[in-house]
């Protein structure tokens, strides 16, 4: 899902902010709102991971045997 959202943000950023024609007009979400949505979804994905970015290691010096 993250790749799809990144593609959508990239596509929306390259397109016009507003478009209008005889049938009506279209306006996209602001880029800041899209970035906030991406950060929110990335945070939700990070919480689902089992180690959550923390790793604990036990360091034993060679002389301690």
PDB file of N, CA and C in Angstrom:
ATOM      1  N   UNK A   1       0.819  -1.190   0.000  1.00  0.00           N
ATOM      2  CA  UNK A   1       0.000   0.000   0.000  1.00  0.00           C
ATOM      3  C   UNK A   1       0.865   1.256   0.000  1.00  0.00           C
ATOM      4  N   UNK A   2       2.024   1.210   0.621  1.00  0.00           N
ATOM      5  CA  UNK A   2       2.890   2.375   0.689  1.00  0.00           C
ATOM      6  C   UNK A   2       3.378   2.813  -0.671  1.00  0.00           C
ATOM      7  N   UNK A   3       3.729   1.850  -1.536  1.00  0.00           N
ATOM      8  CA  UNK A   3       4.182   2.198  -2.869  1.00  0.00           C
ATOM      9  C   UNK A   3       3.066   2.843  -3.665  1.00  0.00           C
ATOM     10  N   UNK A   4       1.859   2.318  -3.500  1.00  0.00           N
ATOM     11  CA  UNK A   4       0.717   2.883  -4.216  1.00  0.00           C
ATOM     12  C   UNK A   4       0.462   4.323  -3.764  1.00  0.00           C
ATOM     13  N   UNK A   5       0.539   4.576  -2.479  1.00  0.00           N
ATOM     14  CA  UNK A   5       0.314   5.922  -1.963  1.00  0.00           C
ATOM     15  C   UNK A   5       1.413   6.865  -2.422  1.00  0.00           C
ATOM     16  N   UNK A   6       2.655   6.394  -2.426  1.00  0.00           N
ATOM     17  CA  UNK A   6       3.750   7.223  -2.919  1.00  0.00           C
ATOM     18  C   UNK A   6       3.539   7.575  -4.381  1.00  0.00           C
ATOM     19  N   UNK A   7       3.071   6.616  -5.165  1.00  0.00           N
ATOM     20  CA  UNK A   7       2.787   6.885  -6.577  1.00  0.00           C
ATOM     21  C   UNK A   7       1.663   7.898  -6.726  1.00  0.00           C
ATOM     22  N   UNK A   8       0.629   7.771  -5.898  1.00  0.00           N
ATOM     23  CA  UNK A   8      -0.494   8.709  -5.959  1.00  0.00           C
ATOM     24  C   UNK A   8      -0.044  10.130  -5.605  1.00  0.00           C
ATOM     25  N   UNK A   9       0.771  10.264  -4.560  1.00  0.00           N
ATOM     26  CA  UNK A   9       1.262  11.589  -4.156  1.00  0.00           C
ATOM     27  C   UNK A   9       2.095  12.189  -5.270  1.00  0.00           C
ATOM     28  N   UNK A  10       2.965  11.370  -5.862  1.00  0.00           N
ATOM     29  CA  UNK A  10       3.816  11.853  -6.957  1.00  0.00           C
ATOM     30  C   UNK A  10       2.962  12.281  -8.155  1.00  0.00           C
ATOM     31  N   UNK A  11       1.934  11.500  -8.468  1.00  0.00           N
ATOM     32  CA  UNK A  11       1.058  11.820  -9.599  1.00  0.00           C
ATOM     33  C   UNK A  11       0.245  13.085  -9.328  1.00  0.00           C
ATOM     34  N   UNK A  12      -0.279  13.224  -8.108  1.00  0.00           N
ATOM     35  CA  UNK A  12      -1.060  14.406  -7.763  1.00  0.00           C
ATOM     36  C   UNK A  12      -0.200  15.665  -7.752  1.00  0.00           C
ATOM     37  N   UNK A  13       1.042  15.538  -7.325  1.00  0.00           N
ATOM     38  CA  UNK A  13       1.928  16.697  -7.277  1.00  0.00           C
ATOM     39  C   UNK A  13       2.285  17.181  -8.681  1.00  0.00           C
ATOM     40  N   UNK A  14       2.359  16.278  -9.639  1.00  0.00           N
ATOM     41  CA  UNK A  14       2.713  16.683 -10.999  1.00  0.00           C
ATOM     42  C   UNK A  14       1.510  17.230 -11.764  1.00  0.00           C
ATOM     43  N   UNK A  15       0.309  16.961 -11.296  1.00  0.00           N
ATOM     44  CA  UNK A  15      -0.895  17.421 -11.976  1.00  0.00           C
ATOM     45  C   UNK A  15      -1.308  18.810 -11.517  1.00  0.00           C
ATOM     46  N   UNK A  16      -2.297  19.383 -12.192  1.00  0.00           N
ATOM     47  CA  UNK A  16      -2.780  20.719 -11.814  1.00  0.00           C
ATOM     48  C   UNK A  16      -3.567  20.693 -10.508  1.00  0.00           C
ATOM     49  N   UNK A  17      -3.587  21.826  -9.815  1.00  0.00           N
ATOM     50  CA  UNK A  17      -4.330  21.920  -8.562  1.00  0.00           C
ATOM     51  C   UNK A  17      -5.831  22.001  -8.830  1.00  0.00           C
ATOM     52  N   UNK A  18      -6.216  22.687  -9.903  1.00  0.00           N
ATOM     53  CA  UNK A  18      -7.626  22.808 -10.270  1.00  0.00           C
ATOM     54  C   UNK A  18      -7.784  22.568 -11.755  1.00  0.00           C
ATOM     55  N   UNK A  19      -8.906  22.012 -12.128  1.00  0.00           N
ATOM     56  CA  UNK A  19      -9.240  21.829 -13.539  1.00  0.00           C
ATOM     57  C   UNK A  19     -10.731  22.054 -13.689  1.00  0.00           C
ATOM     58  N   UNK A  20     -11.106  22.760 -14.738  1.00  0.00           N
ATOM     59  CA  UNK A  20     -12.526  22.990 -14.964  1.00  0.00           C
ATOM     60  C   UNK A  20     -12.820  22.861 -16.455  1.00  0.00           C
ATOM     61  N   UNK A  21     -14.044  22.436 -16.742  1.00  0.00           N
ATOM     62  CA  UNK A  21     -14.507  22.315 -18.113  1.00  0.00           C
ATOM     63  C   UNK A  21     -16.017  22.504 -18.099  1.00  0.00           C
ATOM     64  N   UNK A  22     -16.650  22.203 -19.205  1.00  0.00           N
ATOM     65  CA  UNK A  22     -18.100  22.379 -19.300  1.00  0.00           C
ATOM     66  C   UNK A  22     -18.860  21.473 -18.323  1.00  0.00           C
ATOM     67  N   UNK A  23     -18.315  20.305 -18.059  1.00  0.00           N
ATOM     68  CA  UNK A  23     -18.996  19.347 -17.189  1.00  0.00           C
ATOM     69  C   UNK A  23     -18.866  19.708 -15.714  1.00  0.00           C
ATOM     70  N   UNK A  24     -17.849  20.473 -15.335  1.00  0.00           N
ATOM     71  CA  UNK A  24     -17.671  20.830 -13.936  1.00  0.00           C
ATOM     72  C   UNK A  24     -16.214  21.139 -13.646  1.00  0.00           C
ATOM     73  N   UNK A  25     -15.864  21.111 -12.398  1.00  0.00           N
ATOM     74  CA  UNK A  25     -14.486  21.394 -12.014  1.00  0.00           C
ATOM     75  C   UNK A  25     -14.002  20.351 -11.022  1.00  0.00           C
ATOM     76  N   UNK A  26     -12.680  20.208 -10.957  1.00  0.00           N
ATOM     77  CA  UNK A  26     -12.055  19.221 -10.084  1.00  0.00           C
ATOM     78  C   UNK A  26     -10.944  19.912  -9.314  1.00  0.00           C
ATOM     79  N   UNK A  27     -10.834  19.600  -8.031  1.00  0.00           N
ATOM     80  CA  UNK A  27      -9.770  20.152  -7.204  1.00  0.00           C
ATOM     81  C   UNK A  27      -9.184  19.010  -6.373  1.00  0.00           C
ATOM     82  N   UNK A  28      -7.852  18.926  -6.339  1.00  0.00           N
ATOM     83  CA  UNK A  28      -7.196  17.873  -5.575  1.00  0.00           C
ATOM     84  C   UNK A  28      -6.949  18.345  -4.152  1.00  0.00           C
ATOM     85  N   UNK A  29      -6.615  17.376  -3.301  1.00  0.00           N
ATOM     86  CA  UNK A  29      -6.226  17.707  -1.938  1.00  0.00           C
ATOM     87  C   UNK A  29      -4.891  18.430  -1.956  1.00  0.00           C
ATOM     88  N   UNK A  30      -4.665  19.231  -0.947  1.00  0.00           N
ATOM     89  CA  UNK A  30      -3.392  19.945  -0.846  1.00  0.00           C
ATOM     90  C   UNK A  30      -2.267  18.947  -0.630  1.00  0.00           C
ATOM     91  N   UNK A  31      -1.083  19.314  -1.086  1.00  0.00           N
ATOM     92  CA  UNK A  31       0.067  18.435  -0.952  1.00  0.00           C
ATOM     93  C   UNK A  31       0.413  18.199   0.515  1.00  0.00           C
ATOM     94  N   UNK A  32       0.239  19.220   1.344  1.00  0.00           N
ATOM     95  CA  UNK A  32       0.528  19.047   2.771  1.00  0.00           C
ATOM     96  C   UNK A  32      -0.399  18.005   3.396  1.00  0.00           C
ATOM     97  N   UNK A  33      -1.652  17.968   2.950  1.00  0.00           N
ATOM     98  CA  UNK A  33      -2.585  16.970   3.450  1.00  0.00           C
ATOM     99  C   UNK A  33      -2.203  15.579   2.964  1.00  0.00           C
ATOM    100  N   UNK A  34      -1.716  15.472   1.735  1.00  0.00           N
ATOM    101  CA  UNK A  34      -1.296  14.179   1.206  1.00  0.00           C
ATOM    102  C   UNK A  34      -0.066  13.663   1.956  1.00  0.00           C
ATOM    103  N   UNK A  35       0.861  14.566   2.265  1.00  0.00           N
ATOM    104  CA  UNK A  35       2.056  14.171   3.007  1.00  0.00           C
ATOM    105  C   UNK A  35       1.681  13.736   4.417  1.00  0.00           C
ATOM    106  N   UNK A  36       0.750  14.448   5.040  1.00  0.00           N
ATOM    107  CA  UNK A  36       0.305  14.071   6.387  1.00  0.00           C
ATOM    108  C   UNK A  36      -0.358  12.694   6.366  1.00  0.00           C
ATOM    109  N   UNK A  37      -1.134  12.413   5.340  1.00  0.00           N
ATOM    110  CA  UNK A  37      -1.765  11.099   5.222  1.00  0.00           C
ATOM    111  C   UNK A  37      -0.718  10.012   5.034  1.00  0.00           C
ATOM    112  N   UNK A  38       0.304  10.297   4.241  1.00  0.00           N
ATOM    113  CA  UNK A  38       1.377   9.327   4.026  1.00  0.00           C
ATOM    114  C   UNK A  38       2.129   9.045   5.317  1.00  0.00           C
ATOM    115  N   UNK A  39       2.425  10.075   6.103  1.00  0.00           N
ATOM    116  CA  UNK A  39       3.118   9.890   7.384  1.00  0.00           C
ATOM    117  C   UNK A  39       2.256   9.104   8.357  1.00  0.00           C
ATOM    118  N   UNK A  40       0.966   9.362   8.360  1.00  0.00           N
ATOM    119  CA  UNK A  40       0.050   8.653   9.252  1.00  0.00           C
ATOM    120  C   UNK A  40       0.019   7.168   8.912  1.00  0.00           C
ATOM    121  N   UNK A  41      -0.102   6.850   7.623  1.00  0.00           N
ATOM    122  CA  UNK A  41      -0.157   5.454   7.216  1.00  0.00           C
ATOM    123  C   UNK A  41       1.187   4.756   7.437  1.00  0.00           C
ATOM    124  N   UNK A  42       2.284   5.468   7.246  1.00  0.00           N
ATOM    125  CA  UNK A  42       3.608   4.886   7.506  1.00  0.00           C
ATOM    126  C   UNK A  42       3.773   4.593   8.994  1.00  0.00           C
ATOM    127  N   UNK A  43       3.249   5.459   9.840  1.00  0.00           N
ATOM    128  CA  UNK A  43       3.304   5.224  11.281  1.00  0.00           C
ATOM    129  C   UNK A  43       2.480   4.020  11.691  1.00  0.00           C
ATOM    130  N   UNK A  44       1.323   3.855  11.072  1.00  0.00           N
ATOM    131  CA  UNK A  44       0.498   2.690  11.373  1.00  0.00           C
ATOM    132  C   UNK A  44       1.195   1.403  10.949  1.00  0.00           C
ATOM    133  N   UNK A  45       1.883   1.424   9.809  1.00  0.00           N
ATOM    134  CA  UNK A  45       2.625   0.248   9.363  1.00  0.00           C
ATOM    135  C   UNK A  45       3.789  -0.048  10.296  1.00  0.00           C
ATOM    136  N   UNK A  46       4.443   0.991  10.811  1.00  0.00           N
ATOM    137  CA  UNK A  46       5.581   0.796  11.706  1.00  0.00           C
ATOM    138  C   UNK A  46       5.150   0.177  13.027  1.00  0.00           C
ATOM    139  N   UNK A  47       3.967   0.525  13.505  1.00  0.00           N
ATOM    140  CA  UNK A  47       3.476  -0.016  14.776  1.00  0.00           C
ATOM    141  C   UNK A  47       3.148  -1.499  14.635  1.00  0.00           C
ATOM    142  N   UNK A  48       2.756  -1.938  13.448  1.00  0.00           N
ATOM    143  CA  UNK A  48       2.399  -3.343  13.242  1.00  0.00           C
ATOM    144  C   UNK A  48       3.618  -4.262  13.249  1.00  0.00           C
ATOM    145  N   UNK A  49       4.805  -3.715  13.020  1.00  0.00           N
ATOM    146  CA  UNK A  49       6.012  -4.548  12.982  1.00  0.00           C
ATOM    147  C   UNK A  49       6.333  -5.041  14.390  1.00  0.00           C
ATOM    148  N   UNK A  50       6.841  -6.260  14.507  1.00  0.00           N
ATOM    149  CA  UNK A  50       7.053  -6.829  15.835  1.00  0.00           C
ATOM    150  C   UNK A  50       8.134  -6.128  16.646  1.00  0.00           C
ATOM    151  N   UNK A  51       9.214  -5.652  16.030  1.00  0.00           N
ATOM    152  CA  UNK A  51      10.278  -5.048  16.836  1.00  0.00           C
ATOM    153  C   UNK A  51      10.125  -3.536  16.961  1.00  0.00           C
ATOM    154  N   UNK A  52       9.294  -2.928  16.165  1.00  0.00           N
ATOM    155  CA  UNK A  52       8.974  -1.502  16.239  1.00  0.00           C
ATOM    156  C   UNK A  52      10.211  -0.605  16.255  1.00  0.00           C
ATOM    157  N   UNK A  53      11.246  -1.020  15.573  1.00  0.00           N
ATOM    158  CA  UNK A  53      12.430  -0.190  15.464  1.00  0.00           C
ATOM    159  C   UNK A  53      13.394  -0.310  16.624  1.00  0.00           C
ATOM    160  N   UNK A  54      13.061  -1.100  17.626  1.00  0.00           N
ATOM    161  CA  UNK A  54      13.946  -1.281  18.769  1.00  0.00           C
ATOM    162  C   UNK A  54      14.581  -2.659  18.702  1.00  0.00           C
ATOM    163  N   UNK A  55      15.848  -2.704  18.960  1.00  0.00           N
ATOM    164  CA  UNK A  55      16.552  -3.980  19.003  1.00  0.00           C
ATOM    165  C   UNK A  55      17.478  -3.962  20.207  1.00  0.00           C
ATOM    166  N   UNK A  56      17.362  -4.965  21.034  1.00  0.00           N
ATOM    167  CA  UNK A  56      18.188  -5.070  22.224  1.00  0.00           C
ATOM    168  C   UNK A  56      19.227  -6.158  22.017  1.00  0.00           C
ATOM    169  N   UNK A  57      20.466  -5.820  22.260  1.00  0.00           N
ATOM    170  CA  UNK A  57      21.563  -6.775  22.147  1.00  0.00           C
ATOM    171  C   UNK A  57      22.316  -6.821  23.456  1.00  0.00           C
ATOM    172  N   UNK A  58      22.772  -7.997  23.788  1.00  0.00           N
ATOM    173  CA  UNK A  58      23.589  -8.161  24.997  1.00  0.00           C
ATOM    174  C   UNK A  58      25.040  -8.190  24.566  1.00  0.00           C
ATOM    175  N   UNK A  59      25.831  -7.241  25.064  1.00  0.00           N
ATOM    176  CA  UNK A  59      27.231  -7.139  24.711  1.00  0.00           C
ATOM    177  C   UNK A  59      28.035  -7.788  25.829  1.00  0.00           C
ATOM    178  N   UNK A  60      28.839  -8.785  25.466  1.00  0.00           N
ATOM    179  CA  UNK A  60      29.684  -9.480  26.426  1.00  0.00           C
ATOM    180  C   UNK A  60      31.131  -9.257  26.016  1.00  0.00           C
ATOM    181  N   UNK A  61      31.938  -8.610  26.857  1.00  0.00           N
ATOM    182  CA  UNK A  61      33.347  -8.424  26.521  1.00  0.00           C
ATOM    183  C   UNK A  61      34.076  -9.771  26.509  1.00  0.00           C
ATOM    184  N   UNK A  62      35.132  -9.916  25.696  1.00  0.00           N
ATOM    185  CA  UNK A  62      35.822 -11.199  25.605  1.00  0.00           C
ATOM    186  C   UNK A  62      36.450 -11.642  26.918  1.00  0.00           C
ATOM    187  N   UNK A  63      36.852 -10.737  27.776  1.00  0.00           N
ATOM    188  CA  UNK A  63      37.491 -11.125  29.030  1.00  0.00           C
ATOM    189  C   UNK A  63      36.500 -11.635  30.081  1.00  0.00           C
ATOM    190  N   UNK A  64      35.211 -11.392  29.887  1.00  0.00           N
ATOM    191  CA  UNK A  64      34.214 -11.806  30.871  1.00  0.00           C
ATOM    192  C   UNK A  64      33.886 -13.285  30.767  1.00  0.00           C
ATOM    193  N   UNK A  65      34.238 -13.910  29.642  1.00  0.00           N
ATOM    194  CA  UNK A  65      34.101 -15.336  29.441  1.00  0.00           C
ATOM    195  C   UNK A  65      32.748 -15.834  29.576  1.00  0.00           C
TER     196      UNK A  65
END
